[in-house]
C-alpha cells in the first residue's frame, strides 16, 4: 500500500476548519486509511489501494471533509469547452488509448508541485500498475501548440531531450542511459513502433509510457495552464486516473477545459463528470448492516462519503475507482455510520474450524514445489479468450464469459492455469533466467448437469523457462511431485497443439486423463514473445 506524506497546513486549509491533532488521529483511521504519524508540518498516511483518489492533499481533504461532515455531499466541478482536439491514430495494439484535457488558471508553488509529482508517481505505481497499464503526463501550454497528435513512429525517427536530460538523445540511448528509461524499458520491449505525443509544429512532447521531453514537458512554478494526458492499455482505467489528477488540479484552483478525442471511427469529449448511478435496495443494505435506514439517513451517510443520492440511486463521482457494485455502497454507508457505533454480537453458532482437504492438498503441493526452487504465483480467475485459445495455439472452445465484461483483457473465466503462467513469463523477459513458476487454483468448465451449468475444478500447473532444461527435467519434477503425494499415475504418448510433438505425454491418474506434461510449442512461445524454451505441465487435482 502506498504511503504518502501530506502537507498538514494545506490539508487543514482545504478542510476549511481548525481541527486538533486528537480529532485527526481519531477520524483519519475510521475513514479507511492507516495513520502513521502527525507532526506540526506533516500528516503521513498509508492509503489503501482501493482509494487512489486520496493520494494527494486535495483528494485526501475532499474525502476527510465529507466524512467529518464539514463539506458533505457530491462535489460538482465546472467543465468548459476547449475548441480543439487530440487525434489518436497509428498506435501499437499494446498501447492504443489516450485521454487528454487542459487545466487553466493554476497558481503553483513548491508544495503544489510536490503534490502533483507525488500523485503522478503514486497513480503510476498503484492504479496503473507501475506504468504497465498506463502513464500520466503534464505539459505547460505555453511550450506547445494545439492541436495535438498521439501517434507512433519507428525508433529511428524519434529523438528529443528527455526530462532532466542534458542533450537530445535517440530512443536506444534513452532506454539504456537515462535512469527513467532504464527503469521502464521492459514495458516497450519488442515494440516495432513507439508511441509519441507531437504538437501541431511536430515537436515531440513525450514518449509514453517512458518519459516527457525536457523542453516542452516540464511543469514549473511559473506554469499557469497545463495539458494533461493519460495513455495506456485500458481506456476505463485511464479515464479514472486522469479524473483523479484533474479534480486535484481543479481543487488547486484550476479550471478544467474538455478536449475532443478523435479516434477516427469514434469521437468523444473528455472529461465527462456525469456520475455513475447505482440502484440501491434498502432492504439489502439493512439486512447486511443490521440497522434501520430511511432515505434521508441514506442520503446523509452517502454525503459523508462524497456520494450523491437521488430517487433511490447512489450518484458515484468519476474519481471513485473503488465502487463497482452495490456492496461497495454498503461498505461506504458502514464507514460513514461508524464501525464503532455498531453493536457487538456473539454469533449463536458454535463451530470448530479446520482445513479443508483441498486446502491441505494445495499446501502440501506448495511445500513440494518450493523445495524444487519454484516460485508460487496467483493469477486472476478471469482472463481473456485470446490468452486461453489464440496465444496457446488451441482451437476456439466453449468458454464461460461474463455478461458485461469491463474490457477485452478480462472477458472470460479461465479453464486452465497454464496460460496465466505463460503471461507472467512474457511480462518478465527483462528478468534473469531460469524462471520457475507454479500455481494451484480453481478453473471453470461447462457442466450441463449443474444448475449453474458450470463446474469448478482444482488445477495445478508448473512452468520452467530455461535453456539448459528439457523434457526429462519437467518429467522428473512431475514424477517427484506426484510420488511425494503418494499418487499413482502413468504417462502415455499424446498430442496437444500447445506442446511439441514427440515431447509431450498425457498424465493418467486413476485411469483418467488428468493433464499433460511437455515442452511448449515454438508457435506458442512466439505468440507470447518468448525467446527461451519453456517446459510445463498442468494437472486436474479433482481425482486426488
Protein backbone atom coordinates (compact mmCIF):
# COMPACT_ATOMS: atom_id res chain seq x y z
CA UNK A 1 0.00 0.00 0.00
CA UNK A 2 1.36 3.45 -0.92
CA UNK A 3 2.41 5.78 1.87
CA UNK A 4 2.02 9.50 1.19
CA UNK A 5 3.35 12.48 3.09
CA UNK A 6 0.80 15.30 3.15
CA UNK A 7 1.42 18.93 3.99
CA UNK A 8 -0.60 19.48 7.17
CA UNK A 9 -1.13 23.19 6.61
CA UNK A 10 -2.56 22.54 3.13
CA UNK A 11 -4.89 19.80 4.37
CA UNK A 12 -6.26 21.97 7.19
CA UNK A 13 -6.72 24.91 4.79
CA UNK A 14 -8.68 22.70 2.39
CA UNK A 15 -10.81 21.39 5.26
CA UNK A 16 -11.76 24.99 5.98
CA UNK A 17 -11.88 24.36 9.70
CA UNK A 18 -9.37 24.22 12.52
CA UNK A 19 -9.10 20.60 13.67
CA UNK A 20 -6.97 19.37 16.56
CA UNK A 21 -4.43 16.56 16.24
CA UNK A 22 -6.52 14.45 18.63
CA UNK A 23 -9.56 14.66 16.34
CA UNK A 24 -7.44 13.92 13.27
CA UNK A 25 -5.94 10.87 14.99
CA UNK A 26 -9.45 9.64 15.78
CA UNK A 27 -11.13 10.35 12.41
CA UNK A 28 -8.45 9.52 9.83
CA UNK A 29 -8.22 5.78 10.68
CA UNK A 30 -12.02 5.49 10.71
CA UNK A 31 -12.12 6.79 7.11
CA UNK A 32 -10.26 3.67 5.99
CA UNK A 33 -6.61 4.74 5.96
CA UNK A 34 -3.70 3.87 8.23
CA UNK A 35 -2.40 6.94 10.02
CA UNK A 36 1.33 6.57 10.58
CA UNK A 37 2.17 9.93 12.15
CA UNK A 38 1.16 13.56 12.62
CA UNK A 39 3.67 16.33 13.23
CA UNK A 40 3.46 20.10 13.23
CA UNK A 41 4.02 20.15 9.47
CA UNK A 42 3.13 16.71 8.05
CA UNK A 43 0.48 14.02 8.05
CA UNK A 44 1.84 10.62 6.96
CA UNK A 45 -0.82 8.12 5.93
CA UNK A 46 -0.91 4.74 4.23
CA UNK A 47 -3.65 4.85 1.59
CA UNK A 48 -5.44 1.59 0.82
CA UNK A 49 -5.20 0.57 -2.88
CA UNK A 50 -8.97 0.98 -3.35
CA UNK A 51 -8.80 4.77 -2.74
CA UNK A 52 -6.29 6.28 -5.19
CA UNK A 53 -8.35 9.48 -5.14
CA UNK A 54 -6.88 10.17 -1.66
CA UNK A 55 -3.23 10.19 -2.75
CA UNK A 56 -2.94 14.00 -2.70
CA UNK A 57 -3.66 16.73 -0.14
CA UNK A 58 -6.63 17.83 -2.23
CA UNK A 59 -8.14 14.36 -2.63
CA UNK A 60 -7.47 13.44 0.99
CA UNK A 61 -9.00 16.68 2.30
CA UNK A 62 -12.01 16.26 -0.02
CA UNK A 63 -12.74 12.82 1.44
CA UNK A 64 -11.99 13.81 5.04
CA UNK A 65 -14.12 16.99 4.92
CA UNK A 66 -17.12 14.95 3.71
CA UNK A 67 -16.52 12.25 6.32
CA UNK A 68 -16.25 14.77 9.15
CA UNK A 69 -19.45 16.50 7.96
CA UNK A 70 -17.56 19.73 7.24
CA UNK A 71 -18.33 19.77 3.50
CA UNK A 72 -20.61 16.75 2.92
CA UNK A 73 -22.22 15.78 -0.36
CA UNK A 74 -21.41 15.24 -4.01
CA UNK A 75 -18.74 17.67 -5.27
CA UNK A 76 -19.53 19.30 -8.63
CA UNK A 77 -16.78 20.55 -10.94
CA UNK A 78 -17.24 23.04 -13.76
CA UNK A 79 -16.06 21.95 -17.21
CA UNK A 80 -15.55 24.45 -20.01
CA UNK A 81 -15.15 23.53 -23.67
CA UNK A 82 -11.79 23.91 -25.43
CA UNK A 83 -12.17 24.40 -29.18
CA UNK A 84 -9.50 21.86 -30.13
CA UNK A 85 -8.93 18.15 -30.38
CA UNK A 86 -6.40 15.36 -29.91
CA UNK A 87 -6.04 12.88 -32.78
CA UNK A 88 -5.27 9.28 -31.76
CA UNK A 89 -4.08 7.05 -34.62
CA UNK A 90 -1.49 4.52 -35.85
CA UNK A 91 -0.65 3.18 -32.39
CA UNK A 92 0.68 -0.21 -31.24
CA UNK A 93 -2.07 -2.66 -30.29
CA UNK A 94 -0.33 -2.95 -26.94
CA UNK A 95 -0.75 0.79 -26.20
CA UNK A 96 -3.80 2.07 -28.11
CA UNK A 97 -5.62 4.54 -25.84
CA UNK A 98 -5.30 8.14 -24.72
CA UNK A 99 -7.46 10.71 -22.92
CA UNK A 100 -6.44 14.37 -22.63
CA UNK A 101 -7.62 17.58 -21.00
CA UNK A 102 -6.46 21.17 -20.39
CA UNK A 103 -6.46 22.86 -16.98
CA UNK A 104 -6.02 26.63 -16.91
CA UNK A 105 -5.51 29.28 -14.26
CA UNK A 106 -3.24 27.40 -11.88
CA UNK A 107 -1.16 29.22 -9.27
CA UNK A 108 1.55 26.74 -8.41
CA UNK A 109 4.08 26.78 -5.59
CA UNK A 110 6.61 24.29 -4.24
CA UNK A 111 4.00 22.40 -2.18
CA UNK A 112 1.56 22.11 -5.07
CA UNK A 113 4.31 20.94 -7.44
CA UNK A 114 5.41 18.34 -4.91
CA UNK A 115 1.80 17.18 -4.51
CA UNK A 116 1.31 16.89 -8.30
CA UNK A 117 4.52 14.89 -8.74
CA UNK A 118 3.68 12.62 -5.79
CA UNK A 119 0.16 11.97 -7.13
CA UNK A 120 1.51 11.27 -10.63
CA UNK A 121 4.05 8.78 -9.25
CA UNK A 122 1.62 7.05 -6.85
CA UNK A 123 -1.07 6.67 -9.52
CA UNK A 124 1.58 5.20 -11.82
CA UNK A 125 2.59 2.65 -9.19
CA UNK A 126 -0.91 1.69 -7.96
CA UNK A 127 -3.81 2.22 -10.35
CA UNK A 128 -1.61 1.98 -13.46
CA UNK A 129 0.44 -0.98 -12.16
CA UNK A 130 3.95 0.50 -12.36
CA UNK A 131 3.07 2.00 -15.75
CA UNK A 132 2.22 -1.40 -17.24
CA UNK A 133 -1.41 -0.25 -17.59
CA UNK A 134 -0.62 3.36 -18.45
CA UNK A 135 1.12 6.61 -17.62
CA UNK A 136 0.25 10.26 -16.96
CA UNK A 137 2.00 13.32 -18.37
CA UNK A 138 1.69 17.09 -17.81
CA UNK A 139 2.94 19.84 -20.15
CA UNK A 140 2.99 23.66 -19.88
CA UNK A 141 0.63 25.08 -22.52
CA UNK A 142 2.98 27.95 -23.36
CA UNK A 143 5.50 25.44 -24.73
CA UNK A 144 3.19 23.51 -27.09
CA UNK A 145 0.81 24.33 -29.95
CA UNK A 146 -2.67 22.88 -30.38
CA UNK A 147 -3.99 20.62 -31.86
CA UNK A 148 -2.11 17.60 -30.51
CA UNK A 149 -1.49 14.19 -32.12
CA UNK A 150 -0.93 10.92 -30.31
CA UNK A 151 0.67 8.55 -32.80
CA UNK A 152 3.71 6.28 -33.19
CA UNK A 153 6.94 6.18 -35.15
CA UNK A 154 9.88 3.80 -35.64
CA UNK A 155 12.56 4.42 -33.04
CA UNK A 156 14.96 5.62 -35.77
CA UNK A 157 12.69 8.64 -36.32
CA UNK A 158 12.39 9.64 -32.65
CA UNK A 159 14.85 11.83 -30.80
CA UNK A 160 14.36 14.50 -28.15
CA UNK A 161 15.81 15.78 -24.90
CA UNK A 162 14.31 13.62 -22.10
CA UNK A 163 13.21 15.15 -18.81
CA UNK A 164 16.27 16.28 -16.81
CA UNK A 165 18.48 15.11 -19.67
CA UNK A 166 21.40 17.25 -20.80
CA UNK A 167 21.22 16.69 -24.56
CA UNK A 168 18.97 15.42 -27.34
CA UNK A 169 19.00 11.61 -27.29
CA UNK A 170 17.84 8.78 -29.54
CA UNK A 171 15.45 6.13 -28.27
CA UNK A 172 18.13 3.48 -27.61
CA UNK A 173 20.19 5.99 -25.65
CA UNK A 174 17.18 6.97 -23.53
CA UNK A 175 16.34 3.34 -22.74
CA UNK A 176 19.94 2.47 -21.86
CA UNK A 177 21.49 5.63 -20.42
CA UNK A 178 18.63 7.60 -18.86
CA UNK A 179 17.62 6.31 -15.36
CA UNK A 180 13.88 6.53 -16.05
CA UNK A 181 14.38 4.94 -19.46
CA UNK A 182 16.24 2.01 -17.92
CA UNK A 183 13.56 1.52 -15.26
CA UNK A 184 10.65 1.26 -17.68
CA UNK A 185 12.32 -0.01 -20.88
CA UNK A 186 10.92 -3.51 -20.34
CA UNK A 187 7.36 -2.24 -20.89
CA UNK A 188 8.01 -1.39 -24.56
CA UNK A 189 10.48 -4.20 -25.22
CA UNK A 190 9.87 -5.75 -28.63
CA UNK A 191 7.63 -2.98 -29.97
CA UNK A 192 8.20 -2.07 -33.63
CA UNK A 193 6.86 1.48 -33.26
CA UNK A 194 6.88 3.70 -30.19
CA UNK A 195 4.00 5.99 -29.07
CA UNK A 196 4.71 9.73 -29.05
CA UNK A 197 2.80 12.95 -28.45
CA UNK A 198 3.55 15.67 -31.03
CA UNK A 199 2.04 19.14 -31.29
CA UNK A 200 0.91 20.91 -34.46
CA UNK A 201 4.50 22.09 -35.05
CA UNK A 202 5.66 18.44 -34.99
CA UNK A 203 7.52 18.98 -31.71
CA UNK A 204 7.87 15.70 -29.78
CA UNK A 205 6.29 16.22 -26.36
CA UNK A 206 6.91 12.78 -24.86
CA UNK A 207 7.33 9.06 -25.50
CA UNK A 208 4.73 7.31 -23.31
CA UNK A 209 4.98 5.39 -21.07
CA UNK A 210 8.68 6.22 -20.64
CA UNK A 211 9.37 9.95 -20.30
CA UNK A 212 8.44 13.54 -21.21
CA UNK A 213 10.52 15.98 -23.21
CA UNK A 214 12.55 18.32 -21.02
CA UNK A 215 11.98 21.22 -23.42
CA UNK A 216 8.15 21.10 -23.56
CA UNK A 217 7.17 18.63 -20.85
CA UNK A 218 8.46 20.17 -17.61
CA UNK A 219 5.96 21.95 -15.34
CA UNK A 220 7.36 24.69 -13.05
CA UNK A 221 6.04 27.22 -10.52
CA UNK A 222 5.59 29.68 -13.39
CA UNK A 223 3.23 27.34 -15.27
CA UNK A 224 -0.35 28.61 -15.37
CA UNK A 225 -2.02 26.34 -17.91
CA UNK A 226 -1.30 22.63 -18.43
CA UNK A 227 -2.10 19.97 -20.99
CA UNK A 228 -2.66 16.67 -19.16
CA UNK A 229 -2.77 13.22 -20.76
CA UNK A 230 -3.08 9.58 -19.79
CA UNK A 231 -2.18 6.79 -22.22
CA UNK A 232 -2.16 3.02 -21.94
CA UNK A 233 -3.93 -0.29 -22.38
CA UNK A 234 -7.32 0.20 -20.70
CA UNK A 235 -9.46 3.21 -21.59
CA UNK A 236 -11.65 2.97 -18.48
CA UNK A 237 -8.67 2.89 -16.10
CA UNK A 238 -7.09 5.83 -17.93
CA UNK A 239 -10.26 7.89 -17.54
CA UNK A 240 -10.35 7.19 -13.80
CA UNK A 241 -6.66 8.02 -13.35
CA UNK A 242 -6.93 11.29 -15.26
CA UNK A 243 -10.16 12.24 -13.48
CA UNK A 244 -8.29 11.88 -10.18
CA UNK A 245 -5.47 14.07 -11.45
CA UNK A 246 -7.60 16.86 -12.94
CA UNK A 247 -10.01 17.10 -9.99
CA UNK A 248 -6.91 17.55 -7.84
CA UNK A 249 -5.75 20.35 -10.16
CA UNK A 250 -9.24 21.87 -10.01
CA UNK A 251 -9.07 21.82 -6.20
CA UNK A 252 -5.78 23.71 -6.55
CA UNK A 253 -7.72 26.50 -8.27
CA UNK A 254 -7.56 25.41 -11.90
CA UNK A 255 -10.40 25.44 -14.43
CA UNK A 256 -10.99 22.30 -16.49
CA UNK A 257 -11.36 22.51 -20.28
CA UNK A 258 -12.53 19.46 -22.20
CA UNK A 259 -10.97 18.29 -25.47
CA UNK A 260 -12.36 16.23 -28.32
CA UNK A 261 -10.67 12.82 -28.58
CA UNK A 262 -10.64 11.80 -32.25
CA UNK A 263 -10.03 8.07 -32.79
CA UNK A 264 -11.11 8.22 -36.43
CA UNK A 265 -14.04 5.82 -36.17
CA UNK A 266 -15.05 7.22 -32.78
CA UNK A 267 -15.08 10.68 -31.24
CA UNK A 268 -15.89 11.80 -27.71
CA UNK A 269 -15.18 14.73 -25.41
CA UNK A 270 -13.16 14.28 -22.26
CA UNK A 271 -13.73 14.69 -19.38
CA UNK A 272 -17.35 13.86 -18.64
CA UNK A 273 -18.15 14.17 -14.93
CA UNK A 274 -21.64 12.67 -15.16
CA UNK A 275 -21.88 10.46 -12.04
CA UNK A 276 -22.46 6.73 -12.31
CA UNK A 277 -25.83 5.61 -10.97
CA UNK A 278 -26.11 2.53 -8.78
CA UNK A 279 -29.62 1.42 -7.80
CA UNK A 280 -29.88 0.78 -4.06
CA UNK A 281 -32.00 -1.84 -2.31
CA UNK A 282 -32.75 -0.50 1.17
CA UNK A 283 -33.74 -3.95 2.50
CA UNK A 284 -30.46 -5.41 1.23
CA UNK A 285 -28.45 -2.68 2.99
CA UNK A 286 -30.38 -3.05 6.26
CA UNK A 287 -30.04 -6.83 6.22
CA UNK A 288 -26.26 -6.71 5.76
CA UNK A 289 -25.63 -3.94 8.29
CA UNK A 290 -28.28 -4.85 10.86
CA UNK A 291 -29.55 -1.26 11.17
CA UNK A 292 -32.72 0.53 10.08
CA UNK A 293 -32.39 3.29 7.50
CA UNK A 294 -34.68 5.74 5.74
CA UNK A 295 -33.98 7.77 2.60
CA UNK A 296 -32.86 10.86 4.47
CA UNK A 297 -30.41 8.85 6.58
CA UNK A 298 -29.02 7.08 3.50
CA UNK A 299 -28.57 10.45 1.79
CA UNK A 300 -26.79 11.82 4.87
CA UNK A 301 -24.42 8.84 5.19
CA UNK A 302 -23.59 8.80 1.48
CA UNK A 303 -22.98 12.54 1.63
CA UNK A 304 -20.38 11.86 4.33
CA UNK A 305 -18.56 9.71 1.76
CA UNK A 306 -18.82 12.30 -1.04
CA UNK A 307 -21.53 10.33 -2.85
CA UNK A 308 -24.82 11.79 -4.04
CA UNK A 309 -28.27 10.23 -3.63
CA UNK A 310 -31.36 10.78 -5.75
CA UNK A 311 -34.54 8.74 -6.25
CA UNK A 312 -33.08 5.54 -4.81
CA UNK A 313 -29.84 5.80 -6.76
CA UNK A 314 -26.34 6.43 -5.46
CA UNK A 315 -24.51 9.02 -7.60
CA UNK A 316 -20.87 7.95 -7.71
CA UNK A 317 -18.15 10.53 -8.55
CA UNK A 318 -15.97 9.68 -11.56
CA UNK A 319 -12.82 9.64 -9.40
CA UNK A 320 -14.09 6.85 -7.11
CA UNK A 321 -12.39 3.84 -8.71
CA UNK A 322 -13.37 1.52 -5.84
CA UNK A 323 -17.15 1.50 -6.29
CA UNK A 324 -18.23 -1.21 -8.72
CA UNK A 325 -21.29 -2.77 -7.10
CA UNK A 326 -24.00 -2.07 -4.55
CA UNK A 327 -21.95 -3.91 -1.90
CA UNK A 328 -19.31 -1.17 -2.22
CA UNK A 329 -22.00 1.39 -1.40
CA UNK A 330 -22.96 -0.72 1.63
CA UNK A 331 -19.35 -0.57 2.80
CA UNK A 332 -19.26 3.23 2.43
CA UNK A 333 -22.51 3.53 4.40
CA UNK A 334 -20.96 1.39 7.15
CA UNK A 335 -17.84 3.59 7.21
CA UNK A 336 -19.96 6.77 7.40
CA UNK A 337 -22.19 5.26 10.11
CA UNK A 338 -19.06 4.38 12.07
CA UNK A 339 -17.89 0.86 12.84
CA UNK A 340 -17.54 1.95 16.45
CA UNK A 341 -21.31 2.56 16.53
CA UNK A 342 -22.34 -0.98 15.60
CA UNK A 343 -23.46 -3.19 18.48
CA UNK A 344 -21.16 -6.14 19.05
CA UNK A 345 -22.85 -9.53 18.90
CA UNK A 346 -21.57 -13.03 19.58
CA UNK A 347 -22.77 -15.48 16.89
CA UNK A 348 -25.31 -18.03 18.11
CA UNK A 349 -23.41 -20.80 16.35
CA UNK A 350 -20.53 -22.84 17.76
CA UNK A 351 -18.15 -24.36 15.20
CA UNK A 352 -14.69 -25.85 15.15
CA UNK A 353 -12.55 -24.66 12.29
CA UNK A 354 -10.30 -26.95 10.30
CA UNK A 355 -8.54 -27.02 6.93
CA UNK A 356 -10.47 -28.47 4.02
CA UNK A 357 -8.98 -31.42 2.17
CA UNK A 358 -8.41 -29.23 -0.86
CA UNK A 359 -6.50 -26.65 1.19
CA UNK A 360 -4.35 -29.36 2.74
CA UNK A 361 -3.55 -30.74 -0.72
CA UNK A 362 -2.64 -27.27 -2.06
CA UNK A 363 -0.42 -26.61 0.95
CA UNK A 364 1.42 -29.90 0.50
CA UNK A 365 1.91 -29.20 -3.21
CA UNK A 366 3.29 -25.76 -2.37
CA UNK A 367 5.76 -27.28 0.09
CA UNK A 368 7.00 -29.74 -2.52
CA UNK A 369 7.24 -27.20 -5.33
CA UNK A 370 9.09 -24.59 -3.28
CA UNK A 371 11.51 -27.36 -2.41
CA UNK A 372 12.28 -27.57 -6.14
CA UNK A 373 13.07 -23.85 -6.17
CA UNK A 374 9.72 -22.88 -7.69
CA UNK A 375 8.05 -19.50 -7.11
CA UNK A 376 4.32 -19.62 -6.34
CA UNK A 377 2.03 -17.32 -8.31
CA UNK A 378 -1.64 -16.38 -8.05
CA UNK A 379 -3.46 -15.17 -11.16
CA UNK A 380 -6.98 -13.85 -11.55
CA UNK A 381 -9.75 -16.35 -12.30
CA UNK A 382 -10.90 -14.04 -15.09
CA UNK A 383 -8.73 -13.54 -18.17
CA UNK A 384 -9.22 -13.16 -21.93
CA UNK A 385 -10.30 -15.68 -24.57
CA UNK A 386 -7.20 -14.71 -26.58
CA UNK A 387 -4.98 -15.78 -23.66
CA UNK A 388 -6.75 -19.13 -23.34
CA UNK A 389 -7.02 -20.00 -27.04
CA UNK A 390 -5.16 -17.96 -29.67
CA UNK A 391 -1.94 -17.49 -27.72
CA UNK A 392 -1.92 -21.12 -26.58
CA UNK A 393 -2.39 -22.33 -30.19
CA UNK A 394 -5.63 -24.15 -29.42
CA UNK A 395 -8.96 -24.06 -31.24
CA UNK A 396 -11.85 -21.96 -30.01
CA UNK A 397 -13.58 -23.61 -27.06
CA UNK A 398 -16.88 -23.22 -25.27
CA UNK A 399 -15.75 -20.67 -22.73
CA UNK A 400 -17.68 -19.05 -19.91
CA UNK A 401 -17.87 -15.27 -20.22
CA UNK A 402 -19.32 -12.52 -18.01
CA UNK A 403 -22.40 -10.87 -19.47
CA UNK A 404 -20.89 -7.37 -19.42
CA UNK A 405 -17.07 -7.60 -19.32
CA UNK A 406 -15.27 -4.37 -18.41
CA UNK A 407 -12.67 -4.80 -21.17
CA UNK A 408 -11.21 -7.35 -23.58
CA UNK A 409 -8.38 -8.27 -21.21
CA UNK A 410 -10.81 -9.69 -18.65
CA UNK A 411 -13.72 -11.18 -20.57
CA UNK A 412 -13.51 -14.93 -19.87
CA UNK A 413 -13.31 -17.27 -16.89
CA UNK A 414 -10.18 -19.41 -17.09
CA UNK A 415 -10.45 -23.11 -17.91
CA UNK A 416 -6.71 -23.74 -17.48
CA UNK A 417 -3.96 -22.28 -15.29
CA UNK A 418 -1.03 -22.66 -17.72
CA UNK A 419 -1.96 -19.65 -19.94
CA UNK A 420 -1.76 -17.36 -16.91
CA UNK A 421 1.74 -18.58 -16.09
CA UNK A 422 2.79 -18.07 -19.71
CA UNK A 423 1.53 -14.49 -19.47
CA UNK A 424 3.69 -13.94 -16.36
CA UNK A 425 6.74 -15.27 -18.23
CA UNK A 426 6.02 -12.91 -21.14
CA UNK A 427 5.89 -9.94 -18.75
CA UNK A 428 9.20 -10.84 -17.12
CA UNK A 429 11.55 -11.29 -20.07
CA UNK A 430 13.66 -8.48 -18.60
CA UNK A 431 14.44 -10.61 -15.53
CA UNK A 432 17.16 -13.25 -15.34
CA UNK A 433 16.71 -16.94 -16.14
CA UNK A 434 15.91 -19.64 -15.26
CA UNK A 435 12.37 -18.75 -14.21
CA UNK A 436 10.43 -21.46 -12.38
CA UNK A 437 6.77 -20.83 -11.52
CA UNK A 438 3.80 -22.83 -10.24
CA UNK A 439 0.20 -22.16 -9.28
CA UNK A 440 -2.70 -24.05 -7.75
CA UNK A 441 -6.26 -22.78 -8.05
CA UNK A 442 -9.73 -23.28 -9.45
CA UNK A 443 -10.72 -23.34 -13.13
CA UNK A 444 -14.26 -23.24 -14.50
CA UNK A 445 -15.79 -25.53 -17.15
CA UNK A 446 -19.26 -26.03 -18.61
CA UNK A 447 -21.34 -28.71 -16.90
CA UNK A 448 -24.85 -29.29 -18.27
CA UNK A 449 -25.80 -31.35 -15.21
CA UNK A 450 -25.21 -28.42 -12.83
CA UNK A 451 -27.93 -25.86 -12.02
CA UNK A 452 -25.47 -23.12 -12.97
CA UNK A 453 -24.16 -25.14 -15.94
CA UNK A 454 -20.65 -24.65 -14.57
CA UNK A 455 -18.21 -26.75 -12.63
CA UNK A 456 -15.14 -25.70 -10.66
CA UNK A 457 -12.11 -27.97 -10.55
CA UNK A 458 -8.83 -27.50 -8.73
CA UNK A 459 -5.82 -27.48 -11.06
CA UNK A 460 -2.09 -27.20 -10.57
CA UNK A 461 0.40 -26.02 -13.21
CA UNK A 462 4.15 -25.55 -13.37
CA UNK A 463 6.44 -23.85 -15.93
CA UNK A 464 10.22 -23.72 -16.32
CA UNK A 465 11.88 -21.23 -18.68
CA UNK A 466 15.48 -22.35 -19.05
CA UNK A 467 17.87 -23.04 -21.95
CA UNK A 468 19.52 -25.86 -20.00
CA UNK A 469 16.33 -27.86 -19.31
CA UNK A 470 14.46 -30.35 -21.46
CA UNK A 471 11.54 -32.80 -21.32
CA UNK A 472 13.34 -35.06 -18.84
CA UNK A 473 13.66 -32.12 -16.43
CA UNK A 474 9.93 -31.35 -16.25
CA UNK A 475 9.08 -35.08 -16.27
CA UNK A 476 11.33 -35.64 -13.22
CA UNK A 477 9.67 -32.78 -11.32
CA UNK A 478 6.20 -34.12 -12.18
CA UNK A 479 7.10 -37.63 -11.05
CA UNK A 480 8.71 -36.41 -7.82
CA UNK A 481 5.70 -34.22 -7.03
CA UNK A 482 3.11 -36.96 -7.53
CA UNK A 483 5.19 -39.57 -5.71
CA UNK A 484 5.64 -37.26 -2.73
CA UNK A 485 1.83 -37.00 -2.59
CA UNK A 486 1.57 -40.81 -2.80
CA UNK A 487 -0.36 -40.60 -6.07
CA UNK A 488 -0.26 -43.47 -8.54
CA UNK A 489 -0.02 -42.28 -12.13
CA UNK A 490 1.17 -43.21 -15.59
CA UNK A 491 2.36 -41.33 -18.68
CA UNK A 492 1.12 -42.02 -22.17
CA UNK A 493 2.23 -40.73 -25.57
CA UNK A 494 -0.08 -37.93 -26.71
CA UNK A 495 -0.57 -34.90 -28.93
CA UNK A 496 -1.57 -31.37 -27.98
CA UNK A 497 -1.30 -28.21 -30.08
CA UNK A 498 0.29 -26.24 -27.20
CA UNK A 499 3.20 -28.69 -26.98
CA UNK A 500 5.87 -30.04 -29.35
CA UNK A 501 5.05 -33.40 -30.94
CA UNK A 502 7.25 -36.13 -29.51
CA UNK A 503 7.96 -34.07 -26.38
CA UNK A 504 4.58 -34.40 -24.69
CA UNK A 505 2.86 -37.02 -22.59
CA UNK A 506 -0.65 -37.44 -21.22
CA UNK A 507 -0.87 -37.76 -17.42
CA UNK A 508 -3.16 -40.57 -16.26
CA UNK A 509 -4.44 -40.74 -12.66
CA UNK A 510 -6.87 -43.47 -11.62
CA UNK A 511 -7.16 -44.38 -15.30
CA UNK A 512 -8.43 -40.93 -16.28
CA UNK A 513 -6.82 -38.08 -18.22
CA UNK A 514 -5.52 -35.61 -15.62
CA UNK A 515 -3.45 -33.31 -17.83
CA UNK A 516 -0.33 -33.01 -19.96
CA UNK A 517 3.41 -32.57 -19.49
CA UNK A 518 5.90 -31.49 -22.13
CA UNK A 519 7.81 -28.80 -23.96
CA UNK A 520 5.84 -25.77 -25.19
CA UNK A 521 5.35 -25.38 -28.94
CA UNK A 522 7.60 -22.69 -30.55
CA UNK A 523 4.47 -21.12 -32.07
CA UNK A 524 3.09 -20.59 -28.56
CA UNK A 525 6.43 -19.12 -27.45
CA UNK A 526 6.30 -16.73 -30.40
CA UNK A 527 2.72 -15.74 -29.51
CA UNK A 528 3.96 -14.76 -26.05
CA UNK A 529 7.14 -13.05 -27.36
CA UNK A 530 9.33 -15.57 -25.54
CA UNK A 531 12.77 -16.44 -26.90
CA UNK A 532 13.68 -19.23 -24.49
CA UNK A 533 12.44 -22.85 -24.22
CA UNK A 534 9.56 -23.40 -21.79
CA UNK A 535 8.62 -26.72 -20.17
CA UNK A 536 5.29 -27.17 -18.44
CA UNK A 537 2.64 -29.42 -17.05
CA UNK A 538 -0.90 -28.99 -15.76
CA UNK A 539 -2.81 -31.45 -13.59
CA UNK A 540 -6.50 -31.68 -12.73
CA UNK A 541 -6.45 -32.29 -8.98
CA UNK A 542 -10.12 -33.28 -8.70
CA UNK A 543 -9.24 -37.01 -8.83
CA UNK A 544 -6.73 -36.82 -5.97
